[in-house]
Amino acid sequence: MACECRKPKPGLILRAASEQNIDLANSWFIGDNLSDVEAGRSRRRIAFRYTS
């Protein structure tokens, strides 16, 4: 059974947005791996991958 909370599915993003009153329509998503970027893009948000 696939959990909606596992990246790249948006479950954690949606939960955080709801609990923290985040306006996803005006938000960017920044992550350190490709699954982070895919999760951000799954909500049609601007998504960046940060590497050091």
N, C-alpha and C. Protein backbone atom coordinates (compact mmCIF):
# COMPACT_ATOMS: atom_id res chain seq x y z
N MET A 1 0.83 -1.17 0.00
CA MET A 1 0.00 0.00 0.00
C MET A 1 0.89 1.25 0.00
N ALA A 2 0.66 2.13 -0.95
CA ALA A 2 1.45 3.35 -1.07
C ALA A 2 0.87 4.43 -0.16
N CYS A 3 1.74 5.05 0.59
CA CYS A 3 1.32 6.12 1.51
C CYS A 3 1.41 7.46 0.79
N GLU A 4 0.40 8.29 0.92
CA GLU A 4 0.39 9.62 0.32
C GLU A 4 1.41 10.54 0.99
N CYS A 5 1.96 10.10 2.12
CA CYS A 5 2.92 10.94 2.85
C CYS A 5 4.35 10.72 2.37
N ARG A 6 4.56 9.75 1.50
CA ARG A 6 5.91 9.47 1.00
C ARG A 6 6.21 10.26 -0.25
N LYS A 7 7.35 10.94 -0.28
CA LYS A 7 7.73 11.70 -1.47
C LYS A 7 7.92 10.73 -2.63
N PRO A 8 7.58 11.08 -3.83
CA PRO A 8 7.22 12.41 -4.29
C PRO A 8 5.74 12.75 -4.20
N LYS A 9 4.95 11.93 -3.52
CA LYS A 9 3.53 12.27 -3.35
C LYS A 9 3.42 13.47 -2.40
N PRO A 10 2.39 14.27 -2.55
CA PRO A 10 2.33 15.56 -1.83
C PRO A 10 1.72 15.53 -0.44
N GLY A 11 1.49 14.37 0.15
CA GLY A 11 0.80 14.30 1.44
C GLY A 11 1.41 15.14 2.54
N LEU A 12 2.73 15.08 2.70
CA LEU A 12 3.39 15.87 3.76
C LEU A 12 3.32 17.35 3.48
N ILE A 13 3.42 17.73 2.21
CA ILE A 13 3.32 19.15 1.86
C ILE A 13 1.93 19.67 2.20
N LEU A 14 0.91 18.92 1.83
CA LEU A 14 -0.46 19.35 2.09
C LEU A 14 -0.76 19.41 3.58
N ARG A 15 -0.24 18.44 4.33
CA ARG A 15 -0.45 18.44 5.78
C ARG A 15 0.22 19.64 6.43
N ALA A 16 1.48 19.90 6.05
CA ALA A 16 2.19 21.05 6.61
C ALA A 16 1.49 22.36 6.25
N ALA A 17 1.03 22.47 5.02
CA ALA A 17 0.33 23.68 4.59
C ALA A 17 -0.93 23.90 5.42
N SER A 18 -1.64 22.84 5.68
CA SER A 18 -2.87 22.93 6.47
C SER A 18 -2.57 23.30 7.92
N GLU A 19 -1.62 22.60 8.52
CA GLU A 19 -1.32 22.81 9.93
C GLU A 19 -0.63 24.15 10.20
N GLN A 20 0.16 24.65 9.24
CA GLN A 20 0.94 25.87 9.46
C GLN A 20 0.37 27.08 8.71
N ASN A 21 -0.80 26.89 8.10
CA ASN A 21 -1.47 27.97 7.36
C ASN A 21 -0.56 28.56 6.28
N ILE A 22 0.02 27.67 5.47
CA ILE A 22 0.92 28.06 4.38
C ILE A 22 0.12 28.22 3.10
N ASP A 23 0.32 29.32 2.43
CA ASP A 23 -0.33 29.59 1.15
C ASP A 23 0.50 28.95 0.04
N LEU A 24 0.12 27.75 -0.39
CA LEU A 24 0.89 27.04 -1.39
C LEU A 24 0.90 27.75 -2.74
N ALA A 25 -0.13 28.50 -3.04
CA ALA A 25 -0.20 29.20 -4.32
C ALA A 25 0.91 30.25 -4.44
N ASN A 26 1.43 30.70 -3.32
CA ASN A 26 2.49 31.71 -3.32
C ASN A 26 3.76 31.19 -2.65
N SER A 27 3.98 29.89 -2.74
CA SER A 27 5.13 29.28 -2.08
C SER A 27 6.07 28.63 -3.09
N TRP A 28 7.33 28.52 -2.69
CA TRP A 28 8.32 27.77 -3.44
C TRP A 28 8.67 26.56 -2.61
N PHE A 29 9.22 25.54 -3.28
CA PHE A 29 9.62 24.33 -2.59
C PHE A 29 11.09 24.09 -2.89
N ILE A 30 11.90 23.94 -1.84
CA ILE A 30 13.34 23.73 -1.99
C ILE A 30 13.70 22.43 -1.30
N GLY A 31 14.44 21.58 -1.99
CA GLY A 31 14.85 20.31 -1.42
C GLY A 31 16.27 19.97 -1.80
N ASP A 32 16.78 18.87 -1.24
CA ASP A 32 18.15 18.49 -1.53
C ASP A 32 18.26 17.23 -2.37
N ASN A 33 17.13 16.70 -2.83
CA ASN A 33 17.19 15.54 -3.73
C ASN A 33 16.04 15.59 -4.73
N LEU A 34 16.11 14.73 -5.73
CA LEU A 34 15.12 14.79 -6.81
C LEU A 34 13.71 14.48 -6.34
N SER A 35 13.53 13.64 -5.33
CA SER A 35 12.18 13.35 -4.86
C SER A 35 11.55 14.59 -4.21
N ASP A 36 12.38 15.45 -3.62
CA ASP A 36 11.87 16.72 -3.09
C ASP A 36 11.34 17.60 -4.22
N VAL A 37 12.11 17.70 -5.28
CA VAL A 37 11.71 18.51 -6.43
C VAL A 37 10.43 17.95 -7.05
N GLU A 38 10.36 16.64 -7.20
CA GLU A 38 9.16 16.02 -7.75
C GLU A 38 7.94 16.28 -6.87
N ALA A 39 8.13 16.24 -5.56
CA ALA A 39 7.02 16.51 -4.65
C ALA A 39 6.53 17.95 -4.80
N GLY A 40 7.46 18.88 -4.89
CA GLY A 40 7.08 20.28 -5.09
C GLY A 40 6.37 20.49 -6.41
N ARG A 41 6.87 19.89 -7.44
CA ARG A 41 6.25 20.03 -8.77
C ARG A 41 4.90 19.33 -8.85
N SER A 42 4.70 18.30 -8.04
CA SER A 42 3.41 17.60 -8.06
C SER A 42 2.28 18.52 -7.63
N ARG A 43 2.61 19.56 -6.87
CA ARG A 43 1.62 20.56 -6.45
C ARG A 43 1.69 21.79 -7.34
N ARG A 44 2.38 21.65 -8.47
CA ARG A 44 2.53 22.73 -9.46
C ARG A 44 3.16 23.98 -8.84
N ARG A 45 4.15 23.76 -8.01
CA ARG A 45 4.90 24.85 -7.39
C ARG A 45 6.27 24.93 -8.02
N ILE A 46 6.89 26.09 -7.87
CA ILE A 46 8.28 26.23 -8.29
C ILE A 46 9.11 25.41 -7.32
N ALA A 47 9.96 24.55 -7.87
CA ALA A 47 10.75 23.66 -7.02
C ALA A 47 12.22 23.74 -7.42
N PHE A 48 13.09 23.80 -6.42
CA PHE A 48 14.51 23.89 -6.63
C PHE A 48 15.21 22.75 -5.91
N ARG A 49 16.31 22.31 -6.49
CA ARG A 49 17.16 21.33 -5.82
C ARG A 49 18.42 22.07 -5.38
N TYR A 50 18.73 21.96 -4.10
CA TYR A 50 19.90 22.59 -3.53
C TYR A 50 20.97 21.52 -3.29
N THR A 51 22.16 21.75 -3.80
CA THR A 51 23.28 20.86 -3.51
C THR A 51 24.45 21.70 -3.03
N SER A 52 25.23 21.13 -2.15
CA SER A 52 26.37 21.89 -1.64
C SER A 52 27.67 21.37 -2.21
